[in-house]
Amino acid sequence: MKLFDFSVPALRALMSGALALAVSSTAFAHAHLVSSVPAANAEVAAPGDVTIHFTEPLEPAFSRITLADASGKPAATTASAVDGQDARVMRLALPPLGAGRYAVHWIAVATDGHRTQGDFAFNVK
């Protein structure tokens, strides 16, 4: 008795199904952080904005960046925005920042609806 007794057409169908599943799963990717300016844990002069690059295009209505100072109070009052030329980039304009540690929190909703979020911090000299 054979454990697996596949005919050639059945084997082809099985392989085609596996390939289709692998290809379709990449179409539903999450937007992950690629890089940021300032970078995580960087020590920088006061930046004019926080810019984050993601792996996938973002849905502007549901994606955002917030900034808090060392005491947890909001350090930026403007809303972040997804770049009109490249939907994989989101920016938060910043007011003049004093020396200290700042925490960035981001939420990225990809155009396919998948949500990711994260945090990082940087220091202003």
PDB file of N, CA and C in Angstrom:
ATOM      1  N   MET A   1       0.837  -1.180   0.000  1.00  0.00           N
ATOM      2  CA  MET A   1       0.000   0.000   0.000  1.00  0.00           C
ATOM      3  C   MET A   1       0.889   1.253   0.000  1.00  0.00           C
ATOM      4  N   LYS A   2       0.646   2.155  -0.945  1.00  0.00           N
ATOM      5  CA  LYS A   2       1.405   3.396  -1.021  1.00  0.00           C
ATOM      6  C   LYS A   2       0.724   4.450  -0.165  1.00  0.00           C
ATOM      7  N   LEU A   3       1.534   5.234   0.530  1.00  0.00           N
ATOM      8  CA  LEU A   3       0.993   6.302   1.356  1.00  0.00           C
ATOM      9  C   LEU A   3       0.462   7.442   0.490  1.00  0.00           C
ATOM     10  N   PHE A   4       1.208   7.818  -0.535  1.00  0.00           N
ATOM     11  CA  PHE A   4       0.796   8.870  -1.463  1.00  0.00           C
ATOM     12  C   PHE A   4       0.820   8.286  -2.864  1.00  0.00           C
ATOM     13  N   ASP A   5      -0.312   8.261  -3.522  1.00  0.00           N
ATOM     14  CA  ASP A   5      -0.402   7.724  -4.871  1.00  0.00           C
ATOM     15  C   ASP A   5      -1.013   8.795  -5.758  1.00  0.00           C
ATOM     16  N   PHE A   6      -0.160   9.738  -6.204  1.00  0.00           N
ATOM     17  CA  PHE A   6      -0.621  10.843  -7.028  1.00  0.00           C
ATOM     18  C   PHE A   6      -0.383  10.536  -8.492  1.00  0.00           C
ATOM     19  N   SER A   7      -1.371  10.840  -9.318  1.00  0.00           N
ATOM     20  CA  SER A   7      -1.174  10.774 -10.763  1.00  0.00           C
ATOM     21  C   SER A   7      -0.487  12.063 -11.184  1.00  0.00           C
ATOM     22  N   VAL A   8       0.033  12.100 -12.383  1.00  0.00           N
ATOM     23  CA  VAL A   8       0.720  13.295 -12.878  1.00  0.00           C
ATOM     24  C   VAL A   8      -0.230  14.491 -12.901  1.00  0.00           C
ATOM     25  N   PRO A   9      -1.468  14.379 -13.408  1.00  0.00           N
ATOM     26  CA  PRO A   9      -2.369  15.541 -13.386  1.00  0.00           C
ATOM     27  C   PRO A   9      -2.687  16.005 -11.959  1.00  0.00           C
ATOM     28  N   ALA A  10      -2.843  15.081 -11.040  1.00  0.00           N
ATOM     29  CA  ALA A  10      -3.138  15.459  -9.656  1.00  0.00           C
ATOM     30  C   ALA A  10      -1.937  16.160  -9.034  1.00  0.00           C
ATOM     31  N   LEU A  11      -0.748  15.680  -9.344  1.00  0.00           N
ATOM     32  CA  LEU A  11       0.468  16.309  -8.828  1.00  0.00           C
ATOM     33  C   LEU A  11       0.626  17.717  -9.389  1.00  0.00           C
ATOM     34  N   ARG A  12       0.328  17.883 -10.674  1.00  0.00           N
ATOM     35  CA  ARG A  12       0.388  19.221 -11.282  1.00  0.00           C
ATOM     36  C   ARG A  12      -0.606  20.163 -10.605  1.00  0.00           C
ATOM     37  N   ALA A  13      -1.805  19.688 -10.375  1.00  0.00           N
ATOM     38  CA  ALA A  13      -2.827  20.517  -9.730  1.00  0.00           C
ATOM     39  C   ALA A  13      -2.394  20.904  -8.318  1.00  0.00           C
ATOM     40  N   LEU A  14      -1.825  19.970  -7.593  1.00  0.00           N
ATOM     41  CA  LEU A  14      -1.348  20.249  -6.240  1.00  0.00           C
ATOM     42  C   LEU A  14      -0.231  21.286  -6.261  1.00  0.00           C
ATOM     43  N   MET A  15       0.708  21.149  -7.184  1.00  0.00           N
ATOM     44  CA  MET A  15       1.820  22.099  -7.285  1.00  0.00           C
ATOM     45  C   MET A  15       1.320  23.476  -7.722  1.00  0.00           C
ATOM     46  N   SER A  16       0.363  23.509  -8.640  1.00  0.00           N
ATOM     47  CA  SER A  16      -0.199  24.793  -9.080  1.00  0.00           C
ATOM     48  C   SER A  16      -0.904  25.495  -7.930  1.00  0.00           C
ATOM     49  N   GLY A  17      -1.636  24.744  -7.135  1.00  0.00           N
ATOM     50  CA  GLY A  17      -2.320  25.316  -5.974  1.00  0.00           C
ATOM     51  C   GLY A  17      -1.334  25.873  -4.956  1.00  0.00           C
ATOM     52  N   ALA A  18      -0.256  25.147  -4.707  1.00  0.00           N
ATOM     53  CA  ALA A  18       0.763  25.618  -3.762  1.00  0.00           C
ATOM     54  C   ALA A  18       1.426  26.885  -4.276  1.00  0.00           C
ATOM     55  N   LEU A  19       1.707  26.945  -5.568  1.00  0.00           N
ATOM     56  CA  LEU A  19       2.310  28.131  -6.156  1.00  0.00           C
ATOM     57  C   LEU A  19       1.360  29.321  -6.069  1.00  0.00           C
ATOM     58  N   ALA A  20       0.092  29.105  -6.370  1.00  0.00           N
ATOM     59  CA  ALA A  20      -0.896  30.192  -6.290  1.00  0.00           C
ATOM     60  C   ALA A  20      -1.018  30.710  -4.858  1.00  0.00           C
ATOM     61  N   LEU A  21      -0.995  29.820  -3.894  1.00  0.00           N
ATOM     62  CA  LEU A  21      -1.069  30.233  -2.495  1.00  0.00           C
ATOM     63  C   LEU A  21       0.156  31.056  -2.102  1.00  0.00           C
ATOM     64  N   ALA A  22       1.327  30.647  -2.526  1.00  0.00           N
ATOM     65  CA  ALA A  22       2.549  31.390  -2.199  1.00  0.00           C
ATOM     66  C   ALA A  22       2.541  32.761  -2.839  1.00  0.00           C
ATOM     67  N   VAL A  23       2.106  32.879  -4.073  1.00  0.00           N
ATOM     68  CA  VAL A  23       2.074  34.162  -4.759  1.00  0.00           C
ATOM     69  C   VAL A  23       1.021  35.074  -4.149  1.00  0.00           C
ATOM     70  N   SER A  24      -0.150  34.553  -3.838  1.00  0.00           N
ATOM     71  CA  SER A  24      -1.211  35.399  -3.288  1.00  0.00           C
ATOM     72  C   SER A  24      -0.884  35.876  -1.879  1.00  0.00           C
ATOM     73  N   SER A  25      -0.123  35.116  -1.111  1.00  0.00           N
ATOM     74  CA  SER A  25       0.201  35.549   0.244  1.00  0.00           C
ATOM     75  C   SER A  25       1.117  36.769   0.227  1.00  0.00           C
ATOM     76  N   THR A  26       1.945  36.924  -0.796  1.00  0.00           N
ATOM     77  CA  THR A  26       2.791  38.102  -0.863  1.00  0.00           C
ATOM     78  C   THR A  26       2.000  39.337  -1.263  1.00  0.00           C
ATOM     79  N   ALA A  27       0.841  39.155  -1.877  1.00  0.00           N
ATOM     80  CA  ALA A  27       0.014  40.296  -2.260  1.00  0.00           C
ATOM     81  C   ALA A  27      -0.638  40.936  -1.036  1.00  0.00           C
ATOM     82  N   PHE A  28      -0.679  40.243   0.066  1.00  0.00           N
ATOM     83  CA  PHE A  28      -1.298  40.759   1.281  1.00  0.00           C
ATOM     84  C   PHE A  28      -0.238  41.046   2.333  1.00  0.00           C
ATOM     85  N   ALA A  29       0.782  41.760   1.931  1.00  0.00           N
ATOM     86  CA  ALA A  29       1.884  42.065   2.835  1.00  0.00           C
ATOM     87  C   ALA A  29       1.519  43.195   3.784  1.00  0.00           C
ATOM     88  N   HIS A  30       2.132  43.203   4.928  1.00  0.00           N
ATOM     89  CA  HIS A  30       1.973  44.278   5.895  1.00  0.00           C
ATOM     90  C   HIS A  30       3.000  45.370   5.597  1.00  0.00           C
ATOM     91  N   ALA A  31       2.691  46.590   5.989  1.00  0.00           N
ATOM     92  CA  ALA A  31       3.632  47.700   5.818  1.00  0.00           C
ATOM     93  C   ALA A  31       4.580  47.715   7.009  1.00  0.00           C
ATOM     94  N   HIS A  32       5.822  47.360   6.767  1.00  0.00           N
ATOM     95  CA  HIS A  32       6.831  47.334   7.821  1.00  0.00           C
ATOM     96  C   HIS A  32       7.790  48.503   7.651  1.00  0.00           C
ATOM     97  N   LEU A  33       8.307  48.995   8.755  1.00  0.00           N
ATOM     98  CA  LEU A  33       9.264  50.088   8.736  1.00  0.00           C
ATOM     99  C   LEU A  33      10.550  49.635   8.055  1.00  0.00           C
ATOM    100  N   VAL A  34      11.010  50.423   7.086  1.00  0.00           N
ATOM    101  CA  VAL A  34      12.277  50.157   6.411  1.00  0.00           C
ATOM    102  C   VAL A  34      13.368  51.019   7.027  1.00  0.00           C
ATOM    103  N   SER A  35      13.073  52.321   7.171  1.00  0.00           N
ATOM    104  CA  SER A  35      14.047  53.238   7.751  1.00  0.00           C
ATOM    105  C   SER A  35      13.319  54.464   8.280  1.00  0.00           C
ATOM    106  N   SER A  36      14.031  55.211   9.118  1.00  0.00           N
ATOM    107  CA  SER A  36      13.456  56.449   9.654  1.00  0.00           C
ATOM    108  C   SER A  36      14.547  57.497   9.781  1.00  0.00           C
ATOM    109  N   VAL A  37      14.112  58.755   9.709  1.00  0.00           N
ATOM    110  CA  VAL A  37      14.990  59.901   9.939  1.00  0.00           C
ATOM    111  C   VAL A  37      14.260  60.795  10.915  1.00  0.00           C
ATOM    112  N   PRO A  38      14.767  60.985  12.119  1.00  0.00           N
ATOM    113  CA  PRO A  38      15.981  60.399  12.679  1.00  0.00           C
ATOM    114  C   PRO A  38      15.833  58.884  12.868  1.00  0.00           C
ATOM    115  N   ALA A  39      16.962  58.217  12.880  1.00  0.00           N
ATOM    116  CA  ALA A  39      16.976  56.772  13.094  1.00  0.00           C
ATOM    117  C   ALA A  39      16.741  56.457  14.571  1.00  0.00           C
ATOM    118  N   ALA A  40      16.322  55.244  14.823  1.00  0.00           N
ATOM    119  CA  ALA A  40      16.104  54.797  16.203  1.00  0.00           C
ATOM    120  C   ALA A  40      17.390  54.956  17.007  1.00  0.00           C
ATOM    121  N   ASN A  41      17.272  55.531  18.190  1.00  0.00           N
ATOM    122  CA  ASN A  41      18.361  55.737  19.141  1.00  0.00           C
ATOM    123  C   ASN A  41      19.451  56.696  18.654  1.00  0.00           C
ATOM    124  N   ALA A  42      19.161  57.458  17.600  1.00  0.00           N
ATOM    125  CA  ALA A  42      20.139  58.425  17.099  1.00  0.00           C
ATOM    126  C   ALA A  42      20.218  59.622  18.028  1.00  0.00           C
ATOM    127  N   GLU A  43      21.364  60.278  18.041  1.00  0.00           N
ATOM    128  CA  GLU A  43      21.534  61.536  18.750  1.00  0.00           C
ATOM    129  C   GLU A  43      21.745  62.589  17.674  1.00  0.00           C
ATOM    130  N   VAL A  44      20.795  63.526  17.575  1.00  0.00           N
ATOM    131  CA  VAL A  44      20.773  64.463  16.449  1.00  0.00           C
ATOM    132  C   VAL A  44      20.533  65.890  16.915  1.00  0.00           C
ATOM    133  N   ALA A  45      20.841  66.835  16.032  1.00  0.00           N
ATOM    134  CA  ALA A  45      20.393  68.216  16.232  1.00  0.00           C
ATOM    135  C   ALA A  45      18.885  68.192  16.018  1.00  0.00           C
ATOM    136  N   ALA A  46      18.173  69.157  16.546  1.00  0.00           N
ATOM    137  CA  ALA A  46      16.708  69.167  16.453  1.00  0.00           C
ATOM    138  C   ALA A  46      16.248  69.015  14.997  1.00  0.00           C
ATOM    139  N   PRO A  47      15.539  67.927  14.683  1.00  0.00           N
ATOM    140  CA  PRO A  47      15.080  67.715  13.310  1.00  0.00           C
ATOM    141  C   PRO A  47      13.828  68.553  13.014  1.00  0.00           C
ATOM    142  N   GLY A  48      13.604  68.822  11.736  1.00  0.00           N
ATOM    143  CA  GLY A  48      12.407  69.557  11.331  1.00  0.00           C
ATOM    144  C   GLY A  48      11.209  68.656  11.146  1.00  0.00           C
ATOM    145  N   ASP A  49      11.471  67.356  10.991  1.00  0.00           N
ATOM    146  CA  ASP A  49      10.378  66.394  10.869  1.00  0.00           C
ATOM    147  C   ASP A  49      10.876  64.992  11.173  1.00  0.00           C
ATOM    148  N   VAL A  50       9.927  64.089  11.333  1.00  0.00           N
ATOM    149  CA  VAL A  50      10.206  62.656  11.428  1.00  0.00           C
ATOM    150  C   VAL A  50       9.692  62.066  10.122  1.00  0.00           C
ATOM    151  N   THR A  51      10.544  61.322   9.438  1.00  0.00           N
ATOM    152  CA  THR A  51      10.166  60.683   8.176  1.00  0.00           C
ATOM    153  C   THR A  51      10.386  59.185   8.311  1.00  0.00           C
ATOM    154  N   ILE A  52       9.360  58.417   7.957  1.00  0.00           N
ATOM    155  CA  ILE A  52       9.457  56.963   8.035  1.00  0.00           C
ATOM    156  C   ILE A  52       9.139  56.376   6.666  1.00  0.00           C
ATOM    157  N   HIS A  53       9.986  55.447   6.224  1.00  0.00           N
ATOM    158  CA  HIS A  53       9.799  54.730   4.961  1.00  0.00           C
ATOM    159  C   HIS A  53       9.290  53.321   5.280  1.00  0.00           C
ATOM    160  N   PHE A  54       8.267  52.881   4.548  1.00  0.00           N
ATOM    161  CA  PHE A  54       7.657  51.574   4.759  1.00  0.00           C
ATOM    162  C   PHE A  54       7.799  50.694   3.518  1.00  0.00           C
ATOM    163  N   THR A  55       7.540  49.406   3.693  1.00  0.00           N
ATOM    164  CA  THR A  55       7.664  48.442   2.599  1.00  0.00           C
ATOM    165  C   THR A  55       6.483  48.467   1.650  1.00  0.00           C
ATOM    166  N   GLU A  56       5.346  48.969   2.094  1.00  0.00           N
ATOM    167  CA  GLU A  56       4.117  48.951   1.291  1.00  0.00           C
ATOM    168  C   GLU A  56       3.473  50.331   1.286  1.00  0.00           C
ATOM    169  N   PRO A  57       2.656  50.642   0.281  1.00  0.00           N
ATOM    170  CA  PRO A  57       1.902  51.896   0.284  1.00  0.00           C
ATOM    171  C   PRO A  57       0.929  51.939   1.463  1.00  0.00           C
ATOM    172  N   LEU A  58       0.743  53.142   2.008  1.00  0.00           N
ATOM    173  CA  LEU A  58      -0.096  53.326   3.186  1.00  0.00           C
ATOM    174  C   LEU A  58      -1.454  53.935   2.837  1.00  0.00           C
ATOM    175  N   GLU A  59      -2.423  53.651   3.675  1.00  0.00           N
ATOM    176  CA  GLU A  59      -3.736  54.272   3.592  1.00  0.00           C
ATOM    177  C   GLU A  59      -3.675  55.531   4.465  1.00  0.00           C
ATOM    178  N   PRO A  60      -3.675  56.729   3.858  1.00  0.00           N
ATOM    179  CA  PRO A  60      -3.484  57.968   4.618  1.00  0.00           C
ATOM    180  C   PRO A  60      -4.500  58.196   5.738  1.00  0.00           C
ATOM    181  N   ALA A  61      -5.732  57.799   5.544  1.00  0.00           N
ATOM    182  CA  ALA A  61      -6.765  58.074   6.544  1.00  0.00           C
ATOM    183  C   ALA A  61      -6.539  57.325   7.855  1.00  0.00           C
ATOM    184  N   PHE A  62      -5.780  56.249   7.827  1.00  0.00           N
ATOM    185  CA  PHE A  62      -5.644  55.411   9.021  1.00  0.00           C
ATOM    186  C   PHE A  62      -4.211  55.286   9.527  1.00  0.00           C
ATOM    187  N   SER A  63      -3.254  55.927   8.865  1.00  0.00           N
ATOM    188  CA  SER A  63      -1.845  55.834   9.243  1.00  0.00           C
ATOM    189  C   SER A  63      -1.423  57.131   9.916  1.00  0.00           C
ATOM    190  N   ARG A  64      -0.551  57.025  10.939  1.00  0.00           N
ATOM    191  CA  ARG A  64      -0.141  58.251  11.629  1.00  0.00           C
ATOM    192  C   ARG A  64       1.151  58.054  12.412  1.00  0.00           C
ATOM    193  N   ILE A  65       1.776  59.199  12.691  1.00  0.00           N
ATOM    194  CA  ILE A  65       2.962  59.257  13.552  1.00  0.00           C
ATOM    195  C   ILE A  65       2.648  60.236  14.666  1.00  0.00           C
ATOM    196  N   THR A  66       3.033  59.889  15.889  1.00  0.00           N
ATOM    197  CA  THR A  66       2.937  60.825  17.010  1.00  0.00           C
ATOM    198  C   THR A  66       4.305  60.899  17.686  1.00  0.00           C
ATOM    199  N   LEU A  67       4.527  62.017  18.375  1.00  0.00           N
ATOM    200  CA  LEU A  67       5.793  62.232  19.064  1.00  0.00           C
ATOM    201  C   LEU A  67       5.512  62.680  20.483  1.00  0.00           C
ATOM    202  N   ALA A  68       6.217  62.083  21.448  1.00  0.00           N
ATOM    203  CA  ALA A  68       6.076  62.462  22.858  1.00  0.00           C
ATOM    204  C   ALA A  68       7.441  62.794  23.425  1.00  0.00           C
ATOM    205  N   ASP A  69       7.458  63.715  24.399  1.00  0.00           N
ATOM    206  CA  ASP A  69       8.723  64.049  25.064  1.00  0.00           C
ATOM    207  C   ASP A  69       9.010  63.018  26.152  1.00  0.00           C
ATOM    208  N   ALA A  70      10.082  63.220  26.892  1.00  0.00           N
ATOM    209  CA  ALA A  70      10.509  62.254  27.913  1.00  0.00           C
ATOM    210  C   ALA A  70       9.479  62.043  29.011  1.00  0.00           C
ATOM    211  N   SER A  71       8.614  63.028  29.238  1.00  0.00           N
ATOM    212  CA  SER A  71       7.583  62.880  30.268  1.00  0.00           C
ATOM    213  C   SER A  71       6.296  62.276  29.712  1.00  0.00           C
ATOM    214  N   GLY A  72       6.283  61.975  28.415  1.00  0.00           N
ATOM    215  CA  GLY A  72       5.108  61.359  27.803  1.00  0.00           C
ATOM    216  C   GLY A  72       4.100  62.344  27.229  1.00  0.00           C
ATOM    217  N   LYS A  73       4.411  63.639  27.316  1.00  0.00           N
ATOM    218  CA  LYS A  73       3.505  64.654  26.774  1.00  0.00           C
ATOM    219  C   LYS A  73       3.707  64.793  25.272  1.00  0.00           C
ATOM    220  N   PRO A  74       2.620  65.046  24.518  1.00  0.00           N
ATOM    221  CA  PRO A  74       2.762  65.242  23.071  1.00  0.00           C
ATOM    222  C   PRO A  74       3.749  66.370  22.766  1.00  0.00           C
ATOM    223  N   ALA A  75       4.658  66.129  21.832  1.00  0.00           N
ATOM    224  CA  ALA A  75       5.674  67.116  21.480  1.00  0.00           C
ATOM    225  C   ALA A  75       5.423  67.722  20.102  1.00  0.00           C
ATOM    226  N   ALA A  76       4.420  67.231  19.401  1.00  0.00           N
ATOM    227  CA  ALA A  76       4.049  67.772  18.090  1.00  0.00           C
ATOM    228  C   ALA A  76       2.530  67.858  18.036  1.00  0.00           C
ATOM    229  N   THR A  77       2.022  68.959  17.534  1.00  0.00           N
ATOM    230  CA  THR A  77       0.567  69.146  17.490  1.00  0.00           C
ATOM    231  C   THR A  77      -0.003  69.008  16.085  1.00  0.00           C
ATOM    232  N   THR A  78       0.868  68.968  15.072  1.00  0.00           N
ATOM    233  CA  THR A  78       0.377  68.811  13.709  1.00  0.00           C
ATOM    234  C   THR A  78       0.105  67.343  13.417  1.00  0.00           C
ATOM    235  N   ALA A  79      -0.721  67.100  12.432  1.00  0.00           N
ATOM    236  CA  ALA A  79      -1.005  65.725  12.020  1.00  0.00           C
ATOM    237  C   ALA A  79       0.070  65.256  11.045  1.00  0.00           C
ATOM    238  N   SER A  80       0.385  63.994  11.108  1.00  0.00           N
ATOM    239  CA  SER A  80       1.329  63.431  10.141  1.00  0.00           C
ATOM    240  C   SER A  80       0.611  63.250   8.808  1.00  0.00           C
ATOM    241  N   ALA A  81       1.397  63.030   7.760  1.00  0.00           N
ATOM    242  CA  ALA A  81       0.805  62.875   6.431  1.00  0.00           C
ATOM    243  C   ALA A  81       1.590  61.848   5.625  1.00  0.00           C
ATOM    244  N   VAL A  82       0.860  61.118   4.800  1.00  0.00           N
ATOM    245  CA  VAL A  82       1.489  60.208   3.852  1.00  0.00           C
ATOM    246  C   VAL A  82       1.890  61.038   2.645  1.00  0.00           C
ATOM    247  N   ASP A  83       3.095  60.816   2.135  1.00  0.00           N
ATOM    248  CA  ASP A  83       3.632  61.564   1.005  1.00  0.00           C
ATOM    249  C   ASP A  83       2.752  61.368  -0.235  1.00  0.00           C
ATOM    250  N   GLY A  84       2.407  62.456  -0.886  1.00  0.00           N
ATOM    251  CA  GLY A  84       1.571  62.397  -2.081  1.00  0.00           C
ATOM    252  C   GLY A  84       2.257  61.779  -3.283  1.00  0.00           C
ATOM    253  N   GLN A  85       3.589  61.798  -3.320  1.00  0.00           N
ATOM    254  CA  GLN A  85       4.346  61.229  -4.435  1.00  0.00           C
ATOM    255  C   GLN A  85       4.743  59.775  -4.203  1.00  0.00           C
ATOM    256  N   ASP A  86       4.884  59.384  -2.938  1.00  0.00           N
ATOM    257  CA  ASP A  86       5.286  58.019  -2.597  1.00  0.00           C
ATOM    258  C   ASP A  86       4.517  57.596  -1.355  1.00  0.00           C
ATOM    259  N   ALA A  87       3.484  56.802  -1.533  1.00  0.00           N
ATOM    260  CA  ALA A  87       2.605  56.396  -0.430  1.00  0.00           C
ATOM    261  C   ALA A  87       3.282  55.450   0.553  1.00  0.00           C
ATOM    262  N   ARG A  88       4.547  55.127   0.330  1.00  0.00           N
ATOM    263  CA  ARG A  88       5.306  54.313   1.295  1.00  0.00           C
ATOM    264  C   ARG A  88       6.042  55.181   2.300  1.00  0.00           C
ATOM    265  N   VAL A  89       5.877  56.509   2.205  1.00  0.00           N
ATOM    266  CA  VAL A  89       6.581  57.452   3.074  1.00  0.00           C
ATOM    267  C   VAL A  89       5.568  58.263   3.869  1.00  0.00           C
ATOM    268  N   MET A  90       5.824  58.399   5.179  1.00  0.00           N
ATOM    269  CA  MET A  90       4.964  59.196   6.049  1.00  0.00           C
ATOM    270  C   MET A  90       5.849  60.165   6.824  1.00  0.00           C
ATOM    271  N   ARG A  91       5.332  61.398   7.013  1.00  0.00           N
ATOM    272  CA  ARG A  91       6.108  62.441   7.716  1.00  0.00           C
ATOM    273  C   ARG A  91       5.270  63.107   8.793  1.00  0.00           C
ATOM    274  N   LEU A  92       5.974  63.556   9.824  1.00  0.00           N
ATOM    275  CA  LEU A  92       5.390  64.375  10.875  1.00  0.00           C
ATOM    276  C   LEU A  92       6.246  65.619  11.004  1.00  0.00           C
ATOM    277  N   ALA A  93       5.677  66.796  10.664  1.00  0.00           N
ATOM    278  CA  ALA A  93       6.400  68.057  10.830  1.00  0.00           C
ATOM    279  C   ALA A  93       6.522  68.343  12.323  1.00  0.00           C
ATOM    280  N   LEU A  94       7.689  68.859  12.725  1.00  0.00           N
ATOM    281  CA  LEU A  94       7.963  69.088  14.141  1.00  0.00           C
ATOM    282  C   LEU A  94       8.163  70.565  14.443  1.00  0.00           C
ATOM    283  N   PRO A  95       7.738  70.977  15.631  1.00  0.00           N
ATOM    284  CA  PRO A  95       8.089  72.322  16.090  1.00  0.00           C
ATOM    285  C   PRO A  95       9.554  72.290  16.537  1.00  0.00           C
ATOM    286  N   PRO A  96      10.146  73.436  16.854  1.00  0.00           N
ATOM    287  CA  PRO A  96      11.519  73.404  17.388  1.00  0.00           C
ATOM    288  C   PRO A  96      11.555  72.558  18.668  1.00  0.00           C
ATOM    289  N   LEU A  97      12.440  71.588  18.699  1.00  0.00           N
ATOM    290  CA  LEU A  97      12.549  70.687  19.852  1.00  0.00           C
ATOM    291  C   LEU A  97      13.748  71.073  20.703  1.00  0.00           C
ATOM    292  N   GLY A  98      13.562  71.025  22.011  1.00  0.00           N
ATOM    293  CA  GLY A  98      14.663  71.238  22.937  1.00  0.00           C
ATOM    294  C   GLY A  98      15.442  69.947  23.127  1.00  0.00           C
ATOM    295  N   ALA A  99      16.564  70.045  23.819  1.00  0.00           N
ATOM    296  CA  ALA A  99      17.378  68.865  24.104  1.00  0.00           C
ATOM    297  C   ALA A  99      16.562  67.872  24.923  1.00  0.00           C
ATOM    298  N   GLY A 100      16.782  66.603  24.662  1.00  0.00           N
ATOM    299  CA  GLY A 100      16.090  65.561  25.417  1.00  0.00           C
ATOM    300  C   GLY A 100      15.783  64.355  24.557  1.00  0.00           C
ATOM    301  N   ARG A 101      15.098  63.400  25.173  1.00  0.00           N
ATOM    302  CA  ARG A 101      14.731  62.150  24.496  1.00  0.00           C
ATOM    303  C   ARG A 101      13.278  62.255  24.040  1.00  0.00           C
ATOM    304  N   TYR A 102      13.016  61.788  22.834  1.00  0.00           N
ATOM    305  CA  TYR A 102      11.681  61.838  22.245  1.00  0.00           C
ATOM    306  C   TYR A 102      11.289  60.449  21.751  1.00  0.00           C
ATOM    307  N   ALA A 103      10.029  60.110  21.968  1.00  0.00           N
ATOM    308  CA  ALA A 103       9.505  58.801  21.566  1.00  0.00           C
ATOM    309  C   ALA A 103       8.564  58.967  20.378  1.00  0.00           C
ATOM    310  N   VAL A 104       8.812  58.195  19.355  1.00  0.00           N
ATOM    311  CA  VAL A 104       7.985  58.179  18.155  1.00  0.00           C
ATOM    312  C   VAL A 104       7.106  56.933  18.216  1.00  0.00           C
ATOM    313  N   HIS A 105       5.819  57.112  17.970  1.00  0.00           N
ATOM    314  CA  HIS A 105       4.898  55.983  17.839  1.00  0.00           C
ATOM    315  C   HIS A 105       4.270  56.091  16.461  1.00  0.00           C
ATOM    316  N   TRP A 106       4.243  54.995  15.729  1.00  0.00           N
ATOM    317  CA  TRP A 106       3.644  55.015  14.404  1.00  0.00           C
ATOM    318  C   TRP A 106       2.640  53.885  14.235  1.00  0.00           C
ATOM    319  N   ILE A 107       1.638  54.175  13.443  1.00  0.00           N
ATOM    320  CA  ILE A 107       0.649  53.182  13.024  1.00  0.00           C
ATOM    321  C   ILE A 107       0.604  53.259  11.507  1.00  0.00           C
ATOM    322  N   ALA A 108       0.780  52.135  10.860  1.00  0.00           N
ATOM    323  CA  ALA A 108       0.760  52.072   9.403  1.00  0.00           C
ATOM    324  C   ALA A 108      -0.300  51.080   8.966  1.00  0.00           C
ATOM    325  N   VAL A 109      -1.263  51.566   8.205  1.00  0.00           N
ATOM    326  CA  VAL A 109      -2.275  50.690   7.630  1.00  0.00           C
ATOM    327  C   VAL A 109      -2.005  50.630   6.136  1.00  0.00           C
ATOM    328  N   ALA A 110      -1.659  49.451   5.667  1.00  0.00           N
ATOM    329  CA  ALA A 110      -1.370  49.272   4.246  1.00  0.00           C
ATOM    330  C   ALA A 110      -2.658  49.409   3.439  1.00  0.00           C
ATOM    331  N   THR A 111      -2.518  49.664   2.159  1.00  0.00           N
ATOM    332  CA  THR A 111      -3.697  49.834   1.310  1.00  0.00           C
ATOM    333  C   THR A 111      -4.540  48.570   1.232  1.00  0.00           C
ATOM    334  N   ASP A 112      -3.979  47.417   1.609  1.00  0.00           N
ATOM    335  CA  ASP A 112      -4.773  46.187   1.654  1.00  0.00           C
ATOM    336  C   ASP A 112      -5.479  46.011   3.001  1.00  0.00           C
ATOM    337  N   GLY A 113      -5.312  46.989   3.918  1.00  0.00           N
ATOM    338  CA  GLY A 113      -6.019  46.969   5.197  1.00  0.00           C
ATOM    339  C   GLY A 113      -5.258  46.399   6.369  1.00  0.00           C
ATOM    340  N   HIS A 114      -4.096  45.809   6.146  1.00  0.00           N
ATOM    341  CA  HIS A 114      -3.324  45.251   7.258  1.00  0.00           C
ATOM    342  C   HIS A 114      -2.655  46.362   8.051  1.00  0.00           C
ATOM    343  N   ARG A 115      -2.712  46.235   9.378  1.00  0.00           N
ATOM    344  CA  ARG A 115      -2.189  47.269  10.284  1.00  0.00           C
ATOM    345  C   ARG A 115      -0.946  46.779  11.003  1.00  0.00           C
ATOM    346  N   THR A 116       0.072  47.645  11.054  1.00  0.00           N
ATOM    347  CA  THR A 116       1.260  47.396  11.863  1.00  0.00           C
ATOM    348  C   THR A 116       1.518  48.654  12.676  1.00  0.00           C
ATOM    349  N   GLN A 117       2.277  48.524  13.737  1.00  0.00           N
ATOM    350  CA  GLN A 117       2.622  49.678  14.550  1.00  0.00           C
ATOM    351  C   GLN A 117       3.948  49.441  15.235  1.00  0.00           C
ATOM    352  N   GLY A 118       4.540  50.523  15.705  1.00  0.00           N
ATOM    353  CA  GLY A 118       5.819  50.381  16.377  1.00  0.00           C
ATOM    354  C   GLY A 118       6.227  51.668  17.064  1.00  0.00           C
ATOM    355  N   ASP A 119       7.332  51.591  17.758  1.00  0.00           N
ATOM    356  CA  ASP A 119       7.868  52.709  18.520  1.00  0.00           C
ATOM    357  C   ASP A 119       9.377  52.729  18.362  1.00  0.00           C
ATOM    358  N   PHE A 120       9.944  53.917  18.423  1.00  0.00           N
ATOM    359  CA  PHE A 120      11.380  54.073  18.551  1.00  0.00           C
ATOM    360  C   PHE A 120      11.616  55.455  19.180  1.00  0.00           C
ATOM    361  N   ALA A 121      12.825  55.675  19.632  1.00  0.00           N
ATOM    362  CA  ALA A 121      13.152  56.946  20.271  1.00  0.00           C
ATOM    363  C   ALA A 121      14.423  57.508  19.665  1.00  0.00           C
ATOM    364  N   PHE A 122      14.603  58.808  19.838  1.00  0.00           N
ATOM    365  CA  PHE A 122      15.839  59.480  19.438  1.00  0.00           C
ATOM    366  C   PHE A 122      16.117  60.569  20.453  1.00  0.00           C
ATOM    367  N   ASN A 123      17.359  61.037  20.473  1.00  0.00           N
ATOM    368  CA  ASN A 123      17.792  62.081  21.399  1.00  0.00           C
ATOM    369  C   ASN A 123      18.156  63.335  20.632  1.00  0.00           C
ATOM    370  N   VAL A 124      17.704  64.485  21.130  1.00  0.00           N
ATOM    371  CA  VAL A 124      18.102  65.778  20.575  1.00  0.00           C
ATOM    372  C   VAL A 124      19.209  66.323  21.451  1.00  0.00           C
ATOM    373  N   LYS A 125      20.308  66.745  20.828  1.00  0.00           N
ATOM    374  CA  LYS A 125      21.463  67.281  21.555  1.00  0.00           C
ATOM    375  C   LYS A 125      21.141  68.628  22.142  1.00  0.00           C
TER     376      LYS A 125
END
